[in-house]
N, C-alpha and C. Protein backbone atom coordinates (compact mmCIF):
# COMPACT_ATOMS: atom_id res chain seq x y z
N MET A 1 -21.87 -55.53 108.19
CA MET A 1 -22.97 -55.00 108.98
C MET A 1 -23.16 -53.54 108.61
N SER A 2 -24.40 -53.17 108.34
CA SER A 2 -24.68 -51.79 107.95
C SER A 2 -24.55 -50.86 109.16
N THR A 3 -24.44 -49.59 108.84
CA THR A 3 -24.33 -48.57 109.90
C THR A 3 -25.56 -48.61 110.80
N ASP A 4 -26.74 -48.81 110.20
CA ASP A 4 -27.98 -48.86 110.98
C ASP A 4 -27.96 -50.04 111.94
N GLN A 5 -27.49 -51.19 111.49
CA GLN A 5 -27.41 -52.36 112.36
C GLN A 5 -26.40 -52.13 113.48
N LYS A 6 -25.32 -51.46 113.18
CA LYS A 6 -24.32 -51.17 114.21
C LYS A 6 -24.92 -50.25 115.27
N GLY A 7 -25.65 -49.23 114.81
CA GLY A 7 -26.28 -48.30 115.74
C GLY A 7 -27.27 -49.00 116.64
N THR A 8 -28.06 -49.89 116.06
CA THR A 8 -29.05 -50.65 116.84
C THR A 8 -28.35 -51.53 117.86
N ARG A 9 -27.28 -52.18 117.44
CA ARG A 9 -26.53 -53.05 118.34
C ARG A 9 -25.89 -52.26 119.49
N ILE A 10 -25.34 -51.11 119.17
CA ILE A 10 -24.73 -50.25 120.19
C ILE A 10 -25.78 -49.77 121.18
N LEU A 11 -26.94 -49.35 120.67
CA LEU A 11 -28.02 -48.89 121.55
C LEU A 11 -28.48 -50.00 122.48
N ALA A 12 -28.66 -51.21 121.94
CA ALA A 12 -29.10 -52.34 122.76
C ALA A 12 -28.06 -52.66 123.83
N ARG A 13 -26.80 -52.69 123.44
CA ARG A 13 -25.73 -52.99 124.40
C ARG A 13 -25.65 -51.93 125.49
N THR A 14 -25.80 -50.66 125.10
CA THR A 14 -25.76 -49.57 126.07
C THR A 14 -26.93 -49.69 127.05
N PHE A 15 -28.12 -49.96 126.52
CA PHE A 15 -29.31 -50.12 127.36
C PHE A 15 -29.11 -51.28 128.33
N PHE A 16 -28.63 -52.40 127.83
CA PHE A 16 -28.37 -53.57 128.66
C PHE A 16 -27.36 -53.22 129.77
N ASN A 17 -26.26 -52.59 129.40
CA ASN A 17 -25.24 -52.25 130.40
C ASN A 17 -25.77 -51.29 131.46
N GLN A 18 -26.62 -50.35 131.05
CA GLN A 18 -27.20 -49.41 132.01
C GLN A 18 -28.16 -50.14 132.96
N LEU A 19 -28.94 -51.06 132.43
CA LEU A 19 -29.84 -51.82 133.30
C LEU A 19 -29.05 -52.64 134.32
N ARG A 20 -28.02 -53.33 133.84
CA ARG A 20 -27.21 -54.15 134.75
C ARG A 20 -26.51 -53.28 135.79
N ALA A 21 -25.99 -52.13 135.37
CA ALA A 21 -25.31 -51.22 136.30
C ALA A 21 -26.28 -50.67 137.34
N ALA A 22 -27.56 -50.57 136.97
CA ALA A 22 -28.59 -50.08 137.90
C ALA A 22 -29.07 -51.18 138.84
N GLY A 23 -28.53 -52.38 138.67
CA GLY A 23 -28.87 -53.46 139.60
C GLY A 23 -29.93 -54.45 139.12
N TYR A 24 -30.38 -54.32 137.87
CA TYR A 24 -31.36 -55.27 137.36
C TYR A 24 -30.68 -56.63 137.16
N THR A 25 -31.39 -57.68 137.52
CA THR A 25 -30.87 -59.03 137.34
C THR A 25 -31.07 -59.47 135.88
N PRO A 26 -30.37 -60.51 135.46
CA PRO A 26 -30.60 -61.00 134.09
C PRO A 26 -32.07 -61.38 133.85
N HIS A 27 -32.74 -61.94 134.84
CA HIS A 27 -34.16 -62.29 134.67
C HIS A 27 -35.03 -61.03 134.51
N GLN A 28 -34.69 -59.98 135.24
CA GLN A 28 -35.44 -58.73 135.09
C GLN A 28 -35.20 -58.11 133.71
N VAL A 29 -33.98 -58.21 133.21
CA VAL A 29 -33.67 -57.70 131.88
C VAL A 29 -34.47 -58.46 130.83
N ILE A 30 -34.60 -59.77 131.00
CA ILE A 30 -35.42 -60.57 130.09
C ILE A 30 -36.88 -60.10 130.15
N GLY A 31 -37.37 -59.81 131.34
CA GLY A 31 -38.73 -59.30 131.48
C GLY A 31 -38.92 -57.98 130.76
N ILE A 32 -37.94 -57.11 130.85
CA ILE A 32 -38.01 -55.81 130.16
C ILE A 32 -37.99 -56.02 128.65
N ALA A 33 -37.11 -56.90 128.19
CA ALA A 33 -37.03 -57.19 126.75
C ALA A 33 -38.35 -57.78 126.25
N THR A 34 -38.94 -58.65 127.03
CA THR A 34 -40.22 -59.26 126.66
C THR A 34 -41.31 -58.19 126.56
N GLU A 35 -41.34 -57.29 127.52
CA GLU A 35 -42.32 -56.22 127.51
C GLU A 35 -42.13 -55.32 126.29
N LEU A 36 -40.88 -55.01 125.96
CA LEU A 36 -40.60 -54.19 124.78
C LEU A 36 -41.11 -54.88 123.51
N LEU A 37 -40.86 -56.18 123.40
CA LEU A 37 -41.35 -56.93 122.24
C LEU A 37 -42.87 -56.92 122.17
N GLU A 38 -43.53 -57.05 123.31
CA GLU A 38 -44.99 -57.00 123.33
C GLU A 38 -45.50 -55.63 122.88
N LEU A 39 -44.84 -54.58 123.33
CA LEU A 39 -45.25 -53.23 122.93
C LEU A 39 -45.08 -53.02 121.42
N VAL A 40 -43.98 -53.48 120.87
CA VAL A 40 -43.74 -53.36 119.43
C VAL A 40 -44.76 -54.18 118.66
N THR A 41 -45.02 -55.40 119.12
CA THR A 41 -45.99 -56.26 118.46
C THR A 41 -47.38 -55.62 118.46
N THR A 42 -47.78 -55.07 119.59
CA THR A 42 -49.07 -54.38 119.69
C THR A 42 -49.12 -53.19 118.74
N ASP A 43 -48.04 -52.43 118.70
CA ASP A 43 -47.97 -51.26 117.83
C ASP A 43 -48.10 -51.67 116.37
N LEU A 44 -47.41 -52.74 115.98
CA LEU A 44 -47.50 -53.22 114.60
C LEU A 44 -48.91 -53.70 114.27
N ARG A 45 -49.52 -54.42 115.19
CA ARG A 45 -50.88 -54.92 114.95
C ARG A 45 -51.87 -53.77 114.83
N GLU A 46 -51.75 -52.77 115.69
CA GLU A 46 -52.65 -51.62 115.63
C GLU A 46 -52.44 -50.84 114.34
N GLY A 47 -51.20 -50.76 113.89
CA GLY A 47 -50.92 -50.09 112.62
C GLY A 47 -51.55 -50.82 111.46
N ASP A 48 -51.51 -52.16 111.51
CA ASP A 48 -52.12 -52.96 110.45
C ASP A 48 -53.63 -52.77 110.44
N LYS A 49 -54.25 -52.69 111.60
CA LYS A 49 -55.70 -52.52 111.70
C LYS A 49 -56.13 -51.17 111.14
N ALA A 50 -55.29 -50.16 111.36
CA ALA A 50 -55.63 -48.82 110.90
C ALA A 50 -55.31 -48.64 109.42
N GLY A 51 -54.67 -49.65 108.83
CA GLY A 51 -54.32 -49.53 107.42
C GLY A 51 -53.10 -48.66 107.19
N ALA A 52 -52.39 -48.38 108.26
CA ALA A 52 -51.20 -47.54 108.15
C ALA A 52 -50.08 -48.33 107.51
N THR A 53 -49.27 -47.63 106.78
CA THR A 53 -48.09 -48.26 106.21
C THR A 53 -46.94 -48.13 107.18
N GLN A 54 -46.03 -49.06 107.11
CA GLN A 54 -44.86 -49.02 107.99
C GLN A 54 -43.91 -47.94 107.48
N PRO A 55 -43.29 -47.20 108.40
CA PRO A 55 -42.37 -46.16 107.96
C PRO A 55 -41.15 -46.76 107.26
N THR A 56 -40.67 -46.06 106.28
CA THR A 56 -39.48 -46.48 105.57
C THR A 56 -38.29 -45.68 106.07
N PRO A 57 -37.08 -46.14 105.82
CA PRO A 57 -35.91 -45.36 106.26
C PRO A 57 -35.93 -43.94 105.72
N GLU A 58 -36.50 -43.77 104.53
CA GLU A 58 -36.55 -42.44 103.92
C GLU A 58 -37.39 -41.46 104.73
N ALA A 59 -38.32 -41.99 105.54
CA ALA A 59 -39.20 -41.14 106.33
C ALA A 59 -38.54 -40.68 107.62
N ALA A 60 -37.43 -41.28 107.98
CA ALA A 60 -36.75 -40.93 109.23
C ALA A 60 -36.12 -39.55 109.11
N PRO A 61 -36.15 -38.78 110.21
CA PRO A 61 -35.52 -37.47 110.19
C PRO A 61 -34.02 -37.60 109.92
N GLY A 62 -33.53 -36.76 109.05
CA GLY A 62 -32.10 -36.74 108.77
C GLY A 62 -31.63 -37.82 107.81
N TRP A 63 -32.56 -38.57 107.25
CA TRP A 63 -32.18 -39.64 106.33
C TRP A 63 -31.60 -39.04 105.07
N GLN A 64 -30.50 -39.62 104.59
CA GLN A 64 -29.90 -39.21 103.34
C GLN A 64 -29.53 -40.44 102.54
N PRO A 65 -29.78 -40.41 101.24
CA PRO A 65 -29.42 -41.58 100.44
C PRO A 65 -27.91 -41.75 100.34
N ARG A 66 -27.52 -43.00 100.20
CA ARG A 66 -26.09 -43.26 99.98
C ARG A 66 -25.75 -42.93 98.55
N VAL A 67 -24.61 -42.36 98.38
CA VAL A 67 -24.19 -41.96 97.04
C VAL A 67 -23.08 -42.86 96.57
């Protein structure tokens, strides 16, 4: 698993744990996840309509190539 995948997994797990600790039920967490997916899908579709290219890892702040 790449470092980026680990970071994504850690972030998701942290977000999930914080939601559960705040009292959200599993069904509410599913609703939040569904809403996040809808937002990302909308963002991708709008980017496609505008002719925008998807950002590459190289465009991320602090990105450095592996040596």
